[in-house]
Amino acid sequence: MQKTAKFRLGEVVKHRHYDFRGVIFDVDPEFSHTDEWYESIPEQIRPRKDQPFYHLFAESNDQQYIAYVSEQNLVQDISGTPIKHPDIEKHFLVGEQGQYLTRPDMAH
């Protein structure tokens, strides 16, 4: 299976099925969360474990949180609307066109 991440750090994405979007701040080459978390997802929509999973500074309806989402459930967000999550400034600089650039001290 493919292990190369389709999306990059700082990219704005949205969930394919649920109404939230976010900025990617970390990527796991395959599932790396708890079995309890994985089993809590209804079986009929449970993603494969053998794909990249993304950590997002996410938001929906004026609520900000951290989300962990499989690649198969993400699409690029082209709205151009900024993400308002309070932790973004700790990890990213915002470029002239609104893009999220990894802070030099946060790169790994």
Protein backbone atom coordinates (compact mmCIF):
# COMPACT_ATOMS: atom_id res chain seq x y z
CA MET A 1 0.00 0.00 0.00
CA GLN A 2 0.98 3.64 -0.50
CA LYS A 3 2.83 5.17 2.46
CA THR A 4 3.76 8.49 0.82
CA ALA A 5 1.64 11.31 2.21
CA LYS A 6 -0.61 13.01 -0.33
CA PHE A 7 -0.88 16.20 1.75
CA ARG A 8 1.91 18.31 3.29
CA LEU A 9 2.47 20.14 6.56
CA GLY A 10 0.67 23.49 6.53
CA GLU A 11 -1.87 22.41 3.93
CA VAL A 12 -5.52 23.24 4.59
CA VAL A 13 -7.82 20.25 4.18
CA LYS A 14 -11.41 19.36 4.93
CA HIS A 15 -13.05 16.12 5.94
CA ARG A 16 -14.70 14.25 3.10
CA HIS A 17 -17.80 13.35 5.16
CA TYR A 18 -17.94 15.57 8.24
CA ASP A 19 -18.20 19.35 8.40
CA PHE A 20 -14.76 20.36 9.61
CA ARG A 21 -11.51 21.60 8.15
CA GLY A 22 -8.00 22.13 9.44
CA VAL A 23 -4.29 22.73 8.95
CA ILE A 24 -2.00 19.69 8.90
CA PHE A 25 0.70 19.90 11.55
CA ASP A 26 1.97 16.29 11.60
CA VAL A 27 1.70 13.09 9.55
CA ASP A 28 1.97 9.43 10.53
CA PRO A 29 2.89 7.10 7.61
CA GLU A 30 0.20 4.72 8.91
CA PHE A 31 -2.24 4.53 11.80
CA SER A 32 -0.51 5.29 15.09
CA HIS A 33 -3.30 5.99 17.58
CA THR A 34 -4.89 3.74 20.19
CA ASP A 35 -6.90 0.64 19.35
CA GLU A 36 -9.67 2.03 21.55
CA TRP A 37 -9.88 5.15 19.37
CA TYR A 38 -9.91 3.03 16.20
CA GLU A 39 -12.59 0.66 17.48
CA SER A 40 -14.80 3.63 18.43
CA ILE A 41 -15.28 4.41 14.72
CA PRO A 42 -18.36 2.64 13.31
CA GLU A 43 -17.17 -0.39 11.37
CA GLN A 44 -18.94 0.60 8.13
CA ILE A 45 -16.91 3.86 7.93
CA ARG A 46 -13.71 2.74 9.68
CA PRO A 47 -10.65 3.65 7.56
CA ARG A 48 -7.82 1.30 6.66
CA LYS A 49 -4.80 1.47 9.00
CA ASP A 50 -2.23 1.11 6.20
CA GLN A 51 -2.39 4.70 4.94
CA PRO A 52 -1.12 8.07 6.13
CA PHE A 53 -2.99 9.65 9.05
CA TYR A 54 -2.88 13.40 9.65
CA HIS A 55 -2.90 15.51 12.81
CA LEU A 56 -4.93 18.67 12.21
CA PHE A 57 -5.54 21.94 13.97
CA ALA A 58 -9.23 21.61 13.19
CA GLU A 59 -12.31 23.77 13.43
CA SER A 60 -16.03 23.46 12.93
CA ASN A 61 -18.83 25.83 13.92
CA ASP A 62 -16.57 28.15 15.96
CA GLN A 63 -15.06 25.20 17.83
CA GLN A 64 -11.33 24.41 17.63
CA TYR A 65 -9.73 21.06 18.45
CA ILE A 66 -7.09 18.54 17.35
CA ALA A 67 -8.27 15.92 14.85
CA TYR A 68 -6.64 12.69 13.65
CA VAL A 69 -7.86 11.78 10.17
CA SER A 70 -7.03 9.14 7.57
CA GLU A 71 -5.88 10.26 4.14
CA GLN A 72 -8.90 8.62 2.48
CA ASN A 73 -11.19 10.98 4.41
CA LEU A 74 -9.45 14.24 3.49
CA VAL A 75 -9.69 16.54 0.49
CA GLN A 76 -7.89 19.79 -0.21
CA ASP A 77 -9.74 22.89 1.02
CA ILE A 78 -9.62 25.60 -1.63
CA SER A 79 -11.87 28.12 0.12
CA GLY A 80 -8.97 30.39 1.11
CA THR A 81 -10.67 31.04 4.45
CA PRO A 82 -8.15 31.18 7.33
CA ILE A 83 -8.26 28.59 10.10
CA LYS A 84 -8.73 30.21 13.52
CA HIS A 85 -7.22 27.52 15.76
CA PRO A 86 -5.21 29.13 18.60
CA ASP A 87 -2.20 26.78 18.25
CA ILE A 88 -1.47 27.64 14.61
CA GLU A 89 0.85 30.54 15.49
CA LYS A 90 3.01 28.22 17.63
CA HIS A 91 3.72 25.98 14.61
CA PHE A 92 3.31 28.14 11.52
CA LEU A 93 4.06 31.53 10.05
CA VAL A 94 1.32 32.89 7.79
CA GLY A 95 2.62 33.88 4.34
CA GLU A 96 1.56 36.83 2.22
CA GLN A 97 -1.03 34.73 0.36
CA GLY A 98 -2.36 33.24 3.60
CA GLN A 99 -0.43 29.98 3.32
CA TYR A 100 0.81 28.24 6.48
CA LEU A 101 4.61 27.94 6.55
CA THR A 102 6.32 25.70 9.09
CA ARG A 103 8.26 27.80 11.60
CA PRO A 104 12.01 27.11 11.20
CA ASP A 105 12.26 26.06 14.87
CA MET A 106 9.37 23.56 14.40
CA ALA A 107 10.67 21.76 11.29
CA HIS A 108 11.55 18.08 11.73
